[in-house]
Each structure stands twice: as structure tokens, then as C-alpha cells.
Amino acid sequence: MEKIKQALRIITGGEQGDIREALATLDQALLDQANEMDGQLVHFLERRSYVKALAFVNGEEVPE
């Protein structure tokens, strides 16, 4: 889960890093771990709602 959080922080601008690599990390996580993830997180990642996904994994209120 830490790799997913880091990738989301990179994509949303909260951390420095390679955006293409971060996107690839999230795409691969969906392929490998979707059946182990919370359905809401899968929903956010599939729809590329990265701000919402980051809020969700951080246990924060998910923006509308």
C-alpha cells in the first residue's frame, strides 16, 4: 500500500518523482491487487480519480 500512496502523492503533486512511473505503478497495482483492494479504492484508481484515491488511502474525507 505504501507504493500506491507514494505514487498518488507524486501524481497529485505532493511529492517529487516520475509521473509516468507513478502511473505505471498504479496500473500494475490494479492488475495485480484489485481483488485484494477495497472496492472504493479500485473505483477511484480505475477512473483515475487520484485526489480522491489519495484521500481515501490516507483515511481522510473523500472530496465530492
PDB file of N, CA and C in Angstrom:
ATOM      1  N   MET A   1       0.832  -1.200   0.000  1.00  0.00           N
ATOM      2  CA  MET A   1       0.000   0.000   0.000  1.00  0.00           C
ATOM      3  C   MET A   1       0.874   1.260   0.000  1.00  0.00           C
ATOM      4  N   GLU A   2       2.065   1.159   0.559  1.00  0.00           N
ATOM      5  CA  GLU A   2       2.931   2.338   0.613  1.00  0.00           C
ATOM      6  C   GLU A   2       3.328   2.789  -0.795  1.00  0.00           C
ATOM      7  N   LYS A   3       3.551   1.842  -1.707  1.00  0.00           N
ATOM      8  CA  LYS A   3       3.896   2.209  -3.093  1.00  0.00           C
ATOM      9  C   LYS A   3       2.726   2.934  -3.757  1.00  0.00           C
ATOM     10  N   ILE A   4       1.515   2.504  -3.457  1.00  0.00           N
ATOM     11  CA  ILE A   4       0.336   3.162  -4.012  1.00  0.00           C
ATOM     12  C   ILE A   4       0.233   4.582  -3.470  1.00  0.00           C
ATOM     13  N   LYS A   5       0.427   4.737  -2.163  1.00  0.00           N
ATOM     14  CA  LYS A   5       0.372   6.078  -1.561  1.00  0.00           C
ATOM     15  C   LYS A   5       1.428   6.994  -2.169  1.00  0.00           C
ATOM     16  N   GLN A   6       2.639   6.483  -2.317  1.00  0.00           N
ATOM     17  CA  GLN A   6       3.710   7.297  -2.880  1.00  0.00           C
ATOM     18  C   GLN A   6       3.392   7.693  -4.323  1.00  0.00           C
ATOM     19  N   ALA A   7       2.905   6.748  -5.108  1.00  0.00           N
ATOM     20  CA  ALA A   7       2.556   7.050  -6.494  1.00  0.00           C
ATOM     21  C   ALA A   7       1.460   8.116  -6.549  1.00  0.00           C
ATOM     22  N   LEU A   8       0.480   8.014  -5.674  1.00  0.00           N
ATOM     23  CA  LEU A   8      -0.595   9.011  -5.641  1.00  0.00           C
ATOM     24  C   LEU A   8      -0.067  10.388  -5.232  1.00  0.00           C
ATOM     25  N   ARG A   9       0.863  10.423  -4.284  1.00  0.00           N
ATOM     26  CA  ARG A   9       1.446  11.711  -3.877  1.00  0.00           C
ATOM     27  C   ARG A   9       2.218  12.343  -5.035  1.00  0.00           C
ATOM     28  N   ILE A  10       2.928  11.533  -5.801  1.00  0.00           N
ATOM     29  CA  ILE A  10       3.673  12.051  -6.956  1.00  0.00           C
ATOM     30  C   ILE A  10       2.705  12.617  -7.993  1.00  0.00           C
ATOM     31  N   ILE A  11       1.677  11.871  -8.303  1.00  0.00           N
ATOM     32  CA  ILE A  11       0.725  12.292  -9.336  1.00  0.00           C
ATOM     33  C   ILE A  11      -0.030  13.556  -8.925  1.00  0.00           C
ATOM     34  N   THR A  12      -0.351  13.669  -7.647  1.00  0.00           N
ATOM     35  CA  THR A  12      -1.125  14.832  -7.190  1.00  0.00           C
ATOM     36  C   THR A  12      -0.241  16.013  -6.808  1.00  0.00           C
ATOM     37  N   GLY A  13       1.064  15.877  -6.962  1.00  0.00           N
ATOM     38  CA  GLY A  13       1.972  16.997  -6.743  1.00  0.00           C
ATOM     39  C   GLY A  13       2.474  17.144  -5.321  1.00  0.00           C
ATOM     40  N   GLY A  14       2.205  16.178  -4.463  1.00  0.00           N
ATOM     41  CA  GLY A  14       2.652  16.263  -3.081  1.00  0.00           C
ATOM     42  C   GLY A  14       4.059  15.763  -2.850  1.00  0.00           C
ATOM     43  N   GLU A  15       4.650  15.193  -3.889  1.00  0.00           N
ATOM     44  CA  GLU A  15       5.987  14.621  -3.768  1.00  0.00           C
ATOM     45  C   GLU A  15       6.656  14.652  -5.137  1.00  0.00           C
ATOM     46  N   GLN A  16       7.960  14.794  -5.135  1.00  0.00           N
ATOM     47  CA  GLN A  16       8.720  14.782  -6.387  1.00  0.00           C
ATOM     48  C   GLN A  16       8.857  13.354  -6.889  1.00  0.00           C
ATOM     49  N   GLY A  17       8.825  13.182  -8.190  1.00  0.00           N
ATOM     50  CA  GLY A  17       9.027  11.862  -8.775  1.00  0.00           C
ATOM     51  C   GLY A  17       8.588  11.832 -10.222  1.00  0.00           C
ATOM     52  N   ASP A  18       8.812  10.708 -10.844  1.00  0.00           N
ATOM     53  CA  ASP A  18       8.473  10.498 -12.249  1.00  0.00           C
ATOM     54  C   ASP A  18       6.989  10.130 -12.352  1.00  0.00           C
ATOM     55  N   ILE A  19       6.220  10.996 -12.975  1.00  0.00           N
ATOM     56  CA  ILE A  19       4.772  10.776 -13.074  1.00  0.00           C
ATOM     57  C   ILE A  19       4.466   9.525 -13.898  1.00  0.00           C
ATOM     58  N   ARG A  20       5.212   9.314 -14.970  1.00  0.00           N
ATOM     59  CA  ARG A  20       4.958   8.118 -15.795  1.00  0.00           C
ATOM     60  C   ARG A  20       5.175   6.840 -14.998  1.00  0.00           C
ATOM     61  N   GLU A  21       6.220   6.828 -14.202  1.00  0.00           N
ATOM     62  CA  GLU A  21       6.495   5.664 -13.363  1.00  0.00           C
ATOM     63  C   GLU A  21       5.402   5.478 -12.306  1.00  0.00           C
ATOM     64  N   ALA A  22       4.940   6.582 -11.744  1.00  0.00           N
ATOM     65  CA  ALA A  22       3.868   6.523 -10.745  1.00  0.00           C
ATOM     66  C   ALA A  22       2.580   5.974 -11.369  1.00  0.00           C
ATOM     67  N   LEU A  23       2.257   6.433 -12.561  1.00  0.00           N
ATOM     68  CA  LEU A  23       1.071   5.919 -13.258  1.00  0.00           C
ATOM     69  C   LEU A  23       1.202   4.426 -13.541  1.00  0.00           C
ATOM     70  N   ALA A  24       2.383   4.013 -13.961  1.00  0.00           N
ATOM     71  CA  ALA A  24       2.626   2.592 -14.233  1.00  0.00           C
ATOM     72  C   ALA A  24       2.488   1.766 -12.950  1.00  0.00           C
ATOM     73  N   THR A  25       2.953   2.316 -11.836  1.00  0.00           N
ATOM     74  CA  THR A  25       2.826   1.627 -10.549  1.00  0.00           C
ATOM     75  C   THR A  25       1.363   1.404 -10.202  1.00  0.00           C
ATOM     76  N   LEU A  26       0.538   2.426 -10.390  1.00  0.00           N
ATOM     77  CA  LEU A  26      -0.883   2.299 -10.075  1.00  0.00           C
ATOM     78  C   LEU A  26      -1.583   1.344 -11.022  1.00  0.00           C
ATOM     79  N   ASP A  27      -1.256   1.415 -12.297  1.00  0.00           N
ATOM     80  CA  ASP A  27      -1.860   0.490 -13.267  1.00  0.00           C
ATOM     81  C   ASP A  27      -1.497  -0.954 -12.935  1.00  0.00           C
ATOM     82  N   GLN A  28      -0.246  -1.186 -12.554  1.00  0.00           N
ATOM     83  CA  GLN A  28       0.196  -2.536 -12.213  1.00  0.00           C
ATOM     84  C   GLN A  28      -0.458  -3.011 -10.921  1.00  0.00           C
ATOM     85  N   ALA A  29      -0.611  -2.112  -9.954  1.00  0.00           N
ATOM     86  CA  ALA A  29      -1.275  -2.470  -8.697  1.00  0.00           C
ATOM     87  C   ALA A  29      -2.711  -2.910  -8.963  1.00  0.00           C
ATOM     88  N   LEU A  30      -3.378  -2.213  -9.874  1.00  0.00           N
ATOM     89  CA  LEU A  30      -4.748  -2.612 -10.225  1.00  0.00           C
ATOM     90  C   LEU A  30      -4.778  -4.003 -10.852  1.00  0.00           C
ATOM     91  N   LEU A  31      -3.829  -4.285 -11.705  1.00  0.00           N
ATOM     92  CA  LEU A  31      -3.782  -5.600 -12.346  1.00  0.00           C
ATOM     93  C   LEU A  31      -3.488  -6.712 -11.335  1.00  0.00           C
ATOM     94  N   ASP A  32      -2.558  -6.441 -10.430  1.00  0.00           N
ATOM     95  CA  ASP A  32      -2.085  -7.477  -9.515  1.00  0.00           C
ATOM     96  C   ASP A  32      -2.914  -7.614  -8.238  1.00  0.00           C
ATOM     97  N   GLN A  33      -3.496  -6.498  -7.763  1.00  0.00           N
ATOM     98  CA  GLN A  33      -4.059  -6.499  -6.420  1.00  0.00           C
ATOM     99  C   GLN A  33      -5.515  -6.058  -6.334  1.00  0.00           C
ATOM    100  N   ALA A  34      -6.179  -5.842  -7.436  1.00  0.00           N
ATOM    101  CA  ALA A  34      -7.544  -5.303  -7.403  1.00  0.00           C
ATOM    102  C   ALA A  34      -8.477  -6.143  -6.535  1.00  0.00           C
ATOM    103  N   ASN A  35      -8.322  -7.461  -6.580  1.00  0.00           N
ATOM    104  CA  ASN A  35      -9.216  -8.314  -5.795  1.00  0.00           C
ATOM    105  C   ASN A  35      -8.921  -8.252  -4.296  1.00  0.00           C
ATOM    106  N   GLU A  36      -7.773  -7.681  -3.920  1.00  0.00           N
ATOM    107  CA  GLU A  36      -7.402  -7.534  -2.513  1.00  0.00           C
ATOM    108  C   GLU A  36      -7.685  -6.127  -1.989  1.00  0.00           C
ATOM    109  N   MET A  37      -7.979  -5.195  -2.878  1.00  0.00           N
ATOM    110  CA  MET A  37      -8.200  -3.794  -2.504  1.00  0.00           C
ATOM    111  C   MET A  37      -9.662  -3.539  -2.166  1.00  0.00           C
ATOM    112  N   ASP A  38      -9.875  -2.509  -1.382  1.00  0.00           N
ATOM    113  CA  ASP A  38     -11.233  -2.044  -1.117  1.00  0.00           C
ATOM    114  C   ASP A  38     -11.865  -1.629  -2.448  1.00  0.00           C
ATOM    115  N   GLY A  39     -13.121  -1.943  -2.629  1.00  0.00           N
ATOM    116  CA  GLY A  39     -13.812  -1.644  -3.881  1.00  0.00           C
ATOM    117  C   GLY A  39     -13.830  -0.169  -4.223  1.00  0.00           C
ATOM    118  N   GLN A  40     -13.913   0.675  -3.214  1.00  0.00           N
ATOM    119  CA  GLN A  40     -13.937   2.113  -3.464  1.00  0.00           C
ATOM    120  C   GLN A  40     -12.589   2.596  -4.002  1.00  0.00           C
ATOM    121  N   LEU A  41     -11.501   2.057  -3.463  1.00  0.00           N
ATOM    122  CA  LEU A  41     -10.176   2.419  -3.962  1.00  0.00           C
ATOM    123  C   LEU A  41     -10.017   1.965  -5.407  1.00  0.00           C
ATOM    124  N   VAL A  42     -10.456   0.763  -5.714  1.00  0.00           N
ATOM    125  CA  VAL A  42     -10.398   0.267  -7.094  1.00  0.00           C
ATOM    126  C   VAL A  42     -11.173   1.207  -8.008  1.00  0.00           C
ATOM    127  N   HIS A  43     -12.354   1.606  -7.574  1.00  0.00           N
ATOM    128  CA  HIS A  43     -13.189   2.531  -8.350  1.00  0.00           C
ATOM    129  C   HIS A  43     -12.422   3.821  -8.654  1.00  0.00           C
ATOM    130  N   PHE A  44     -11.811   4.416  -7.632  1.00  0.00           N
ATOM    131  CA  PHE A  44     -11.075   5.676  -7.828  1.00  0.00           C
ATOM    132  C   PHE A  44      -9.890   5.480  -8.775  1.00  0.00           C
ATOM    133  N   LEU A  45      -9.161   4.395  -8.611  1.00  0.00           N
ATOM    134  CA  LEU A  45      -7.995   4.165  -9.460  1.00  0.00           C
ATOM    135  C   LEU A  45      -8.392   3.863 -10.906  1.00  0.00           C
ATOM    136  N   GLU A  46      -9.436   3.082 -11.094  1.00  0.00           N
ATOM    137  CA  GLU A  46      -9.886   2.785 -12.455  1.00  0.00           C
ATOM    138  C   GLU A  46     -10.333   4.041 -13.187  1.00  0.00           C
ATOM    139  N   ARG A  47     -10.915   4.970 -12.471  1.00  0.00           N
ATOM    140  CA  ARG A  47     -11.405   6.204 -13.084  1.00  0.00           C
ATOM    141  C   ARG A  47     -10.393   7.348 -13.011  1.00  0.00           C
ATOM    142  N   ARG A  48      -9.202   6.993 -12.524  1.00  0.00           N
ATOM    143  CA  ARG A  48      -8.091   7.941 -12.408  1.00  0.00           C
ATOM    144  C   ARG A  48      -8.461   9.176 -11.581  1.00  0.00           C
ATOM    145  N   SER A  49      -9.231   8.928 -10.535  1.00  0.00           N
ATOM    146  CA  SER A  49      -9.595   9.970  -9.566  1.00  0.00           C
ATOM    147  C   SER A  49      -8.550   9.942  -8.456  1.00  0.00           C
ATOM    148  N   TYR A  50      -7.373  10.463  -8.786  1.00  0.00           N
ATOM    149  CA  TYR A  50      -6.230  10.283  -7.896  1.00  0.00           C
ATOM    150  C   TYR A  50      -6.316  11.107  -6.615  1.00  0.00           C
ATOM    151  N   VAL A  51      -6.896  12.278  -6.658  1.00  0.00           N
ATOM    152  CA  VAL A  51      -7.059  13.079  -5.437  1.00  0.00           C
ATOM    153  C   VAL A  51      -7.979  12.338  -4.467  1.00  0.00           C
ATOM    154  N   LYS A  52      -9.051  11.783  -4.989  1.00  0.00           N
ATOM    155  CA  LYS A  52      -9.978  11.015  -4.158  1.00  0.00           C
ATOM    156  C   LYS A  52      -9.306   9.751  -3.629  1.00  0.00           C
ATOM    157  N   ALA A  53      -8.545   9.078  -4.472  1.00  0.00           N
ATOM    158  CA  ALA A  53      -7.853   7.860  -4.047  1.00  0.00           C
ATOM    159  C   ALA A  53      -6.863   8.161  -2.926  1.00  0.00           C
ATOM    160  N   LEU A  54      -6.135   9.265  -3.047  1.00  0.00           N
ATOM    161  CA  LEU A  54      -5.168   9.632  -2.016  1.00  0.00           C
ATOM    162  C   LEU A  54      -5.871   9.951  -0.703  1.00  0.00           C
ATOM    163  N   ALA A  55      -6.955  10.694  -0.771  1.00  0.00           N
ATOM    164  CA  ALA A  55      -7.724  10.990   0.445  1.00  0.00           C
ATOM    165  C   ALA A  55      -8.216   9.686   1.076  1.00  0.00           C
ATOM    166  N   PHE A  56      -8.695   8.775   0.268  1.00  0.00           N
ATOM    167  CA  PHE A  56      -9.218   7.503   0.762  1.00  0.00           C
ATOM    168  C   PHE A  56      -8.132   6.704   1.488  1.00  0.00           C
ATOM    169  N   VAL A  57      -6.961   6.542   0.871  1.00  0.00           N
ATOM    170  CA  VAL A  57      -5.901   5.734   1.493  1.00  0.00           C
ATOM    171  C   VAL A  57      -5.326   6.408   2.729  1.00  0.00           C
ATOM    172  N   ASN A  58      -5.457   7.722   2.815  1.00  0.00           N
ATOM    173  CA  ASN A  58      -4.996   8.448   3.998  1.00  0.00           C
ATOM    174  C   ASN A  58      -6.043   8.495   5.093  1.00  0.00           C
ATOM    175  N   GLY A  59      -7.217   7.925   4.840  1.00  0.00           N
ATOM    176  CA  GLY A  59      -8.283   7.923   5.833  1.00  0.00           C
ATOM    177  C   GLY A  59      -8.947   9.267   6.028  1.00  0.00           C
ATOM    178  N   GLU A  60      -8.835  10.109   5.012  1.00  0.00           N
ATOM    179  CA  GLU A  60      -9.443  11.445   5.051  1.00  0.00           C
ATOM    180  C   GLU A  60     -10.805  11.423   4.375  1.00  0.00           C
ATOM    181  N   GLU A  61     -11.536  12.511   4.545  1.00  0.00           N
ATOM    182  CA  GLU A  61     -12.814  12.630   3.854  1.00  0.00           C
ATOM    183  C   GLU A  61     -12.552  12.760   2.364  1.00  0.00           C
ATOM    184  N   VAL A  62     -13.255  11.973   1.584  1.00  0.00           N
ATOM    185  CA  VAL A  62     -13.083  11.970   0.129  1.00  0.00           C
ATOM    186  C   VAL A  62     -13.853  13.142  -0.452  1.00  0.00           C
ATOM    187  N   PRO A  63     -13.165  14.010  -1.219  1.00  0.00           N
ATOM    188  CA  PRO A  63     -13.865  15.155  -1.816  1.00  0.00           C
ATOM    189  C   PRO A  63     -14.927  14.696  -2.817  1.00  0.00           C
ATOM    190  N   GLU A  64     -15.952  15.510  -2.960  1.00  0.00           N
ATOM    191  CA  GLU A  64     -17.032  15.196  -3.907  1.00  0.00           C
ATOM    192  C   GLU A  64     -16.553  15.337  -5.330  1.00  0.00           C
TER     193      GLU A  64
END
